[in-house]
């Protein structure tokens, strides 16, 4: 049996979720940097949503609930905008405070995690859109 692209996406989402949530714990407990921890945690949660999207696709659940995919698309757009604003704010703060990029408490790492949050928000919207298009085509054909 060949490896399906969806299963690779599931593994990637599991990896992203574990890295994001471990960043949340590390930057809260070890470095006491709440902004980086928040963006890492949000990245992990968005990766979890991508994982849920893939699992529901594999179980063929989206066929009966296309409004849920529309909701996921809306949420991904909202978090995409939040990540863009957070990235620009953290970059501005890092430049004005003259932070060193190698310091684990600098705002440059918050920029990195904001970008990863942006990536997961984009992927959530992309996967939701693809699955919605696929099931919308099937539902149109089943009407006849």
N, C-alpha and C. Protein backbone atom coordinates (compact mmCIF):
# COMPACT_ATOMS: atom_id res chain seq x y z
N UNK A 1 0.84 -1.19 0.00
CA UNK A 1 0.00 0.00 0.00
C UNK A 1 0.88 1.24 0.00
N UNK A 2 0.59 2.14 -0.88
CA UNK A 2 1.36 3.38 -0.97
C UNK A 2 0.95 4.33 0.15
N UNK A 3 1.89 5.17 0.52
CA UNK A 3 1.60 6.15 1.57
C UNK A 3 0.79 7.29 0.96
N UNK A 4 -0.35 7.55 1.52
CA UNK A 4 -1.24 8.59 1.05
C UNK A 4 -0.74 9.96 1.55
N UNK A 5 -0.98 10.98 0.76
CA UNK A 5 -0.56 12.34 1.13
C UNK A 5 -1.25 12.83 2.39
N UNK A 6 -2.45 12.37 2.63
CA UNK A 6 -3.17 12.77 3.83
C UNK A 6 -2.50 12.23 5.08
N UNK A 7 -1.97 11.02 5.01
CA UNK A 7 -1.30 10.44 6.17
C UNK A 7 0.01 11.15 6.48
N UNK A 8 0.68 11.64 5.46
CA UNK A 8 1.88 12.46 5.67
C UNK A 8 1.49 13.77 6.35
N UNK A 9 0.37 14.34 5.95
CA UNK A 9 -0.11 15.57 6.58
C UNK A 9 -0.51 15.33 8.03
N UNK A 10 -1.04 14.16 8.32
CA UNK A 10 -1.39 13.81 9.70
C UNK A 10 -0.12 13.74 10.55
N UNK A 11 0.91 13.09 10.03
CA UNK A 11 2.17 12.99 10.77
C UNK A 11 2.80 14.37 10.97
N UNK A 12 2.72 15.21 9.95
CA UNK A 12 3.26 16.57 10.05
C UNK A 12 2.49 17.39 11.09
N UNK A 13 1.18 17.22 11.13
CA UNK A 13 0.38 17.95 12.12
C UNK A 13 0.66 17.45 13.54
N UNK A 14 0.88 16.15 13.70
CA UNK A 14 1.24 15.62 15.02
C UNK A 14 2.58 16.18 15.46
N UNK A 15 3.54 16.23 14.54
CA UNK A 15 4.85 16.81 14.86
C UNK A 15 4.73 18.28 15.23
N UNK A 16 3.96 19.05 14.46
CA UNK A 16 3.77 20.47 14.74
C UNK A 16 3.07 20.72 16.06
N UNK A 17 2.10 19.87 16.37
CA UNK A 17 1.39 20.01 17.64
C UNK A 17 2.32 19.75 18.82
N UNK A 18 3.13 18.70 18.72
CA UNK A 18 4.02 18.38 19.84
C UNK A 18 5.11 19.42 20.01
N UNK A 19 5.65 19.95 18.92
CA UNK A 19 6.68 20.99 19.01
C UNK A 19 6.08 22.28 19.56
N UNK A 20 4.89 22.66 19.10
CA UNK A 20 4.26 23.88 19.58
C UNK A 20 3.91 23.83 21.06
N UNK A 21 3.37 22.71 21.49
CA UNK A 21 3.00 22.60 22.90
C UNK A 21 4.22 22.46 23.80
N UNK A 22 5.28 21.83 23.30
CA UNK A 22 6.51 21.77 24.11
C UNK A 22 7.16 23.14 24.19
N UNK A 23 7.07 23.94 23.13
CA UNK A 23 7.57 25.32 23.20
C UNK A 23 6.78 26.13 24.21
N UNK A 24 5.48 25.89 24.28
CA UNK A 24 4.65 26.57 25.26
C UNK A 24 5.14 26.27 26.68
N UNK A 25 5.40 25.01 26.95
CA UNK A 25 5.85 24.62 28.29
C UNK A 25 7.24 25.16 28.58
N UNK A 26 8.16 25.02 27.64
CA UNK A 26 9.55 25.44 27.87
C UNK A 26 9.65 26.94 28.09
N UNK A 27 8.98 27.73 27.24
CA UNK A 27 9.11 29.18 27.40
C UNK A 27 8.29 29.72 28.57
N UNK A 28 7.35 28.97 29.08
CA UNK A 28 6.67 29.38 30.30
C UNK A 28 7.45 29.00 31.55
N UNK A 29 7.98 27.79 31.59
CA UNK A 29 8.61 27.28 32.80
C UNK A 29 10.08 27.68 32.89
N UNK A 30 10.84 27.46 31.83
CA UNK A 30 12.28 27.67 31.89
C UNK A 30 12.66 29.13 31.70
N UNK A 31 12.17 29.74 30.61
CA UNK A 31 12.63 31.09 30.25
C UNK A 31 11.74 32.21 30.76
N UNK A 32 10.56 31.88 31.24
CA UNK A 32 9.61 32.89 31.74
C UNK A 32 9.36 34.01 30.72
N UNK A 33 9.14 33.60 29.49
CA UNK A 33 8.84 34.53 28.40
C UNK A 33 7.42 34.21 27.92
N UNK A 34 6.41 34.93 28.44
CA UNK A 34 5.02 34.55 28.14
C UNK A 34 4.62 34.79 26.68
N UNK A 35 5.22 35.76 26.00
CA UNK A 35 4.80 36.05 24.63
C UNK A 35 5.24 34.96 23.68
N UNK A 36 6.47 34.49 23.83
CA UNK A 36 6.93 33.39 22.99
C UNK A 36 6.14 32.12 23.32
N UNK A 37 5.88 31.90 24.60
CA UNK A 37 5.09 30.73 25.00
C UNK A 37 3.68 30.79 24.42
N UNK A 38 3.08 31.95 24.42
CA UNK A 38 1.72 32.09 23.89
C UNK A 38 1.68 31.79 22.39
N UNK A 39 2.65 32.30 21.66
CA UNK A 39 2.66 32.06 20.22
C UNK A 39 3.00 30.61 19.90
N UNK A 40 3.88 30.00 20.71
CA UNK A 40 4.17 28.58 20.52
C UNK A 40 2.96 27.72 20.84
N UNK A 41 2.25 28.06 21.90
CA UNK A 41 1.03 27.33 22.24
C UNK A 41 -0.04 27.48 21.19
N UNK A 42 -0.20 28.69 20.66
CA UNK A 42 -1.19 28.91 19.61
C UNK A 42 -0.82 28.14 18.35
N UNK A 43 0.46 28.08 18.05
CA UNK A 43 0.92 27.29 16.91
C UNK A 43 0.57 25.81 17.11
N UNK A 44 0.77 25.32 18.31
CA UNK A 44 0.43 23.93 18.60
C UNK A 44 -1.06 23.66 18.52
N UNK A 45 -1.87 24.61 18.95
CA UNK A 45 -3.33 24.44 18.88
C UNK A 45 -3.80 24.46 17.43
N UNK A 46 -3.24 25.33 16.61
CA UNK A 46 -3.62 25.35 15.20
C UNK A 46 -3.17 24.07 14.49
N UNK A 47 -2.01 23.52 14.89
CA UNK A 47 -1.59 22.24 14.34
C UNK A 47 -2.56 21.14 14.76
N UNK A 48 -3.06 21.22 15.99
CA UNK A 48 -4.07 20.26 16.46
C UNK A 48 -5.34 20.37 15.63
N UNK A 49 -5.76 21.58 15.29
CA UNK A 49 -6.93 21.76 14.45
C UNK A 49 -6.71 21.18 13.06
N UNK A 50 -5.50 21.33 12.54
CA UNK A 50 -5.18 20.70 11.25
C UNK A 50 -5.27 19.18 11.38
N UNK A 51 -4.78 18.65 12.48
CA UNK A 51 -4.86 17.22 12.72
C UNK A 51 -6.31 16.75 12.78
N UNK A 52 -7.14 17.48 13.48
CA UNK A 52 -8.57 17.15 13.57
C UNK A 52 -9.21 17.21 12.18
N UNK A 53 -8.83 18.20 11.39
CA UNK A 53 -9.37 18.32 10.04
C UNK A 53 -9.01 17.10 9.20
N UNK A 54 -7.76 16.65 9.29
CA UNK A 54 -7.34 15.47 8.52
C UNK A 54 -8.03 14.20 9.00
N UNK A 55 -8.13 14.05 10.30
CA UNK A 55 -8.76 12.83 10.84
C UNK A 55 -10.24 12.78 10.46
N UNK A 56 -10.90 13.93 10.51
CA UNK A 56 -12.30 13.96 10.12
C UNK A 56 -12.46 13.70 8.62
N UNK A 57 -11.47 14.09 7.83
CA UNK A 57 -11.49 13.78 6.39
C UNK A 57 -11.31 12.29 6.17
N UNK A 58 -10.37 11.69 6.89
CA UNK A 58 -10.12 10.26 6.74
C UNK A 58 -11.35 9.46 7.16
N UNK A 59 -12.04 9.90 8.20
CA UNK A 59 -13.25 9.20 8.66
C UNK A 59 -14.49 9.57 7.86
N UNK A 60 -14.32 10.42 6.85
CA UNK A 60 -15.41 10.84 5.96
C UNK A 60 -16.54 11.54 6.72
N UNK A 61 -16.15 12.36 7.69
CA UNK A 61 -17.13 13.07 8.50
C UNK A 61 -17.56 14.38 7.86
N UNK A 62 -16.68 14.98 7.06
CA UNK A 62 -16.98 16.30 6.50
C UNK A 62 -18.10 16.26 5.46
N UNK A 63 -18.39 15.11 4.93
CA UNK A 63 -19.42 15.01 3.90
C UNK A 63 -20.78 15.51 4.41
N UNK A 64 -21.04 15.31 5.69
CA UNK A 64 -22.33 15.70 6.25
C UNK A 64 -22.29 17.05 6.97
N UNK A 65 -21.12 17.64 7.08
CA UNK A 65 -21.01 18.87 7.87
C UNK A 65 -20.09 19.88 7.18
N UNK A 66 -20.51 20.39 6.03
CA UNK A 66 -19.70 21.35 5.28
C UNK A 66 -19.62 22.70 5.97
N UNK A 67 -20.60 23.02 6.82
CA UNK A 67 -20.55 24.29 7.56
C UNK A 67 -19.39 24.31 8.54
N UNK A 68 -19.00 23.14 9.05
CA UNK A 68 -17.85 23.07 9.94
C UNK A 68 -16.57 23.46 9.23
N UNK A 69 -16.44 23.06 7.98
CA UNK A 69 -15.26 23.46 7.20
C UNK A 69 -15.28 24.96 6.94
N UNK A 70 -16.46 25.51 6.70
CA UNK A 70 -16.57 26.95 6.51
C UNK A 70 -16.15 27.70 7.77
N UNK A 71 -16.52 27.17 8.93
CA UNK A 71 -16.12 27.74 10.22
C UNK A 71 -14.60 27.66 10.39
N UNK A 72 -13.99 26.53 10.01
CA UNK A 72 -12.54 26.39 10.11
C UNK A 72 -11.83 27.38 9.19
N UNK A 73 -12.39 27.63 8.02
CA UNK A 73 -11.80 28.62 7.11
C UNK A 73 -11.85 30.01 7.73
N UNK A 74 -12.98 30.35 8.34
CA UNK A 74 -13.11 31.65 9.00
C UNK A 74 -12.11 31.79 10.15
N UNK A 75 -12.01 30.77 10.98
CA UNK A 75 -11.09 30.81 12.12
C UNK A 75 -9.64 30.91 11.64
N UNK A 76 -9.32 30.20 10.57
CA UNK A 76 -7.94 30.28 10.06
C UNK A 76 -7.62 31.68 9.56
N UNK A 77 -8.57 32.34 8.93
CA UNK A 77 -8.34 33.71 8.50
C UNK A 77 -8.15 34.66 9.67
N UNK A 78 -8.93 34.45 10.72
CA UNK A 78 -8.81 35.27 11.92
C UNK A 78 -7.43 35.11 12.57
N UNK A 79 -6.99 33.87 12.73
CA UNK A 79 -5.69 33.63 13.34
C UNK A 79 -4.54 34.01 12.41
N UNK A 80 -4.76 33.96 11.11
CA UNK A 80 -3.74 34.43 10.16
C UNK A 80 -3.50 35.92 10.36
N UNK A 81 -4.58 36.69 10.46
CA UNK A 81 -4.44 38.13 10.70
C UNK A 81 -3.80 38.41 12.05
N UNK A 82 -4.18 37.66 13.07
CA UNK A 82 -3.58 37.82 14.39
C UNK A 82 -2.08 37.55 14.35
N UNK A 83 -1.68 36.52 13.61
CA UNK A 83 -0.26 36.18 13.52
C UNK A 83 0.52 37.24 12.76
N UNK A 84 -0.06 37.83 11.74
CA UNK A 84 0.63 38.90 11.00
C UNK A 84 0.83 40.12 11.90
N UNK A 85 -0.20 40.48 12.65
CA UNK A 85 -0.09 41.62 13.56
C UNK A 85 0.93 41.33 14.66
N UNK A 86 0.89 40.12 15.22
CA UNK A 86 1.84 39.74 16.27
C UNK A 86 3.26 39.74 15.74
N UNK A 87 3.47 39.24 14.54
CA UNK A 87 4.80 39.23 13.95
C UNK A 87 5.36 40.64 13.82
N UNK A 88 4.55 41.54 13.29
CA UNK A 88 5.04 42.91 13.11
C UNK A 88 5.26 43.61 14.45
N UNK A 89 4.41 43.37 15.43
CA UNK A 89 4.59 43.99 16.74
C UNK A 89 5.85 43.45 17.42
N UNK A 90 6.05 42.14 17.39
CA UNK A 90 7.23 41.56 18.03
C UNK A 90 8.52 41.97 17.32
N UNK A 91 8.46 42.09 16.00
CA UNK A 91 9.65 42.55 15.27
C UNK A 91 9.96 43.99 15.62
N UNK A 92 8.95 44.82 15.73
CA UNK A 92 9.15 46.22 16.12
C UNK A 92 9.72 46.31 17.53
N UNK A 93 9.17 45.52 18.45
CA UNK A 93 9.69 45.53 19.82
C UNK A 93 11.13 45.03 19.89
N UNK A 94 11.46 44.01 19.13
CA UNK A 94 12.82 43.48 19.14
C UNK A 94 13.82 44.49 18.59
N UNK A 95 13.42 45.21 17.57
CA UNK A 95 14.33 46.21 16.97
C UNK A 95 14.48 47.40 17.90
N UNK A 96 13.39 47.90 18.47
CA UNK A 96 13.49 49.08 19.33
C UNK A 96 14.20 48.79 20.65
N UNK A 97 14.06 47.55 21.15
CA UNK A 97 14.76 47.18 22.39
C UNK A 97 16.19 46.72 22.14
N UNK A 98 16.57 46.61 20.87
CA UNK A 98 17.90 46.14 20.47
C UNK A 98 18.20 44.76 21.07
N UNK A 99 17.24 43.86 20.91
CA UNK A 99 17.41 42.50 21.40
C UNK A 99 18.44 41.75 20.56
N UNK A 100 19.06 40.77 21.19
CA UNK A 100 20.01 39.90 20.50
C UNK A 100 19.25 38.66 20.03
N UNK A 101 19.38 38.28 18.76
CA UNK A 101 18.60 37.14 18.26
C UNK A 101 18.93 35.81 18.95
N UNK A 102 20.10 35.67 19.53
CA UNK A 102 20.46 34.41 20.18
C UNK A 102 19.97 34.30 21.63
N UNK A 103 19.45 35.38 22.18
CA UNK A 103 18.92 35.37 23.55
C UNK A 103 17.56 34.66 23.56
N UNK A 104 17.38 33.65 24.41
CA UNK A 104 16.10 32.93 24.42
C UNK A 104 14.92 33.76 24.92
N UNK A 105 15.17 34.89 25.54
CA UNK A 105 14.07 35.73 26.00
C UNK A 105 13.82 36.93 25.09
N UNK A 106 14.45 36.96 23.92
CA UNK A 106 14.26 38.10 23.02
C UNK A 106 12.95 37.97 22.26
N UNK A 107 12.53 39.08 21.72
CA UNK A 107 11.29 39.10 20.95
C UNK A 107 11.48 38.54 19.55
N UNK A 108 12.72 38.31 19.14
CA UNK A 108 12.94 37.68 17.84
C UNK A 108 12.38 36.25 17.81
N UNK A 109 12.49 35.54 18.93
CA UNK A 109 11.90 34.21 18.98
C UNK A 109 10.37 34.27 18.98
N UNK A 110 9.82 35.33 19.53
CA UNK A 110 8.37 35.52 19.42
C UNK A 110 7.98 35.74 17.96
N UNK A 111 8.85 36.41 17.20
CA UNK A 111 8.60 36.57 15.77
C UNK A 111 8.60 35.23 15.05
N UNK A 112 9.55 34.38 15.42
CA UNK A 112 9.63 33.05 14.79
C UNK A 112 8.36 32.25 15.07
N UNK A 113 7.92 32.25 16.33
CA UNK A 113 6.72 31.50 16.66
C UNK A 113 5.47 32.15 16.08
N UNK A 114 5.48 33.46 15.90
CA UNK A 114 4.36 34.12 15.21
C UNK A 114 4.30 33.67 13.76
N UNK A 115 5.47 33.53 13.14
CA UNK A 115 5.50 33.05 11.76
C UNK A 115 5.01 31.60 11.66
N UNK A 116 5.39 30.78 12.63
CA UNK A 116 4.91 29.39 12.62
C UNK A 116 3.40 29.33 12.87
N UNK A 117 2.89 30.22 13.68
CA UNK A 117 1.44 30.31 13.87
C UNK A 117 0.77 30.73 12.58
N UNK A 118 1.37 31.67 11.87
CA UNK A 118 0.86 32.10 10.57
C UNK A 118 0.83 30.93 9.60
N UNK A 119 1.89 30.11 9.61
CA UNK A 119 1.96 28.95 8.72
C UNK A 119 0.84 27.96 9.02
N UNK A 120 0.61 27.66 10.31
CA UNK A 120 -0.43 26.69 10.65
C UNK A 120 -1.82 27.24 10.37
N UNK A 121 -2.01 28.54 10.55
CA UNK A 121 -3.31 29.14 10.21
C UNK A 121 -3.55 29.05 8.70
N UNK A 122 -2.51 29.29 7.91
CA UNK A 122 -2.63 29.17 6.46
C UNK A 122 -2.93 27.73 6.06
N UNK A 123 -2.22 26.77 6.66
CA UNK A 123 -2.46 25.37 6.32
C UNK A 123 -3.85 24.91 6.73
N UNK A 124 -4.34 25.40 7.87
CA UNK A 124 -5.70 25.05 8.28
C UNK A 124 -6.72 25.55 7.26
N UNK A 125 -6.54 26.78 6.80
CA UNK A 125 -7.43 27.32 5.79
C UNK A 125 -7.31 26.59 4.46
N UNK A 126 -6.09 26.24 4.08
CA UNK A 126 -5.86 25.53 2.82
C UNK A 126 -6.50 24.14 2.84
N UNK A 127 -6.25 23.38 3.90
CA UNK A 127 -6.83 22.04 3.99
C UNK A 127 -8.34 22.10 4.08
N UNK A 128 -8.87 23.03 4.84
CA UNK A 128 -10.32 23.16 4.96
C UNK A 128 -10.95 23.52 3.61
N UNK A 129 -10.30 24.40 2.88
CA UNK A 129 -10.80 24.80 1.57
C UNK A 129 -10.78 23.62 0.59
N UNK A 130 -9.68 22.87 0.60
CA UNK A 130 -9.58 21.71 -0.30
C UNK A 130 -10.64 20.67 0.02
N UNK A 131 -10.82 20.36 1.29
CA UNK A 131 -11.80 19.35 1.66
C UNK A 131 -13.21 19.84 1.38
N UNK A 132 -13.44 21.12 1.59
CA UNK A 132 -14.77 21.68 1.30
C UNK A 132 -15.07 21.60 -0.19
N UNK A 133 -14.09 21.92 -1.03
CA UNK A 133 -14.29 21.85 -2.48
C UNK A 133 -14.57 20.40 -2.90
N UNK A 134 -13.84 19.47 -2.35
CA UNK A 134 -14.02 18.06 -2.71
C UNK A 134 -15.41 17.57 -2.33
N UNK A 135 -15.85 17.87 -1.12
CA UNK A 135 -17.15 17.38 -0.69
C UNK A 135 -18.29 18.20 -1.26
N UNK A 136 -18.04 19.45 -1.60
CA UNK A 136 -19.08 20.25 -2.24
C UNK A 136 -19.37 19.70 -3.64
N UNK A 137 -18.32 19.28 -4.35
CA UNK A 137 -18.53 18.68 -5.67
C UNK A 137 -19.31 17.38 -5.57
N UNK A 138 -19.02 16.58 -4.56
CA UNK A 138 -19.72 15.31 -4.38
C UNK A 138 -21.18 15.55 -4.00
N UNK A 139 -21.44 16.56 -3.15
CA UNK A 139 -22.82 16.82 -2.74
C UNK A 139 -23.65 17.37 -3.90
N UNK A 140 -23.03 18.09 -4.82
CA UNK A 140 -23.75 18.59 -5.99
C UNK A 140 -24.13 17.42 -6.88
N UNK A 141 -23.21 16.47 -7.05
CA UNK A 141 -23.51 15.31 -7.89
C UNK A 141 -24.57 14.41 -7.28
N UNK A 142 -24.62 14.34 -5.96
CA UNK A 142 -25.60 13.45 -5.32
C UNK A 142 -27.02 14.02 -5.36
N UNK A 143 -27.15 15.31 -5.69
CA UNK A 143 -28.49 15.91 -5.77
C UNK A 143 -29.27 15.42 -6.97
N UNK A 144 -28.58 14.96 -8.00
CA UNK A 144 -29.27 14.54 -9.24
C UNK A 144 -29.74 13.13 -9.19
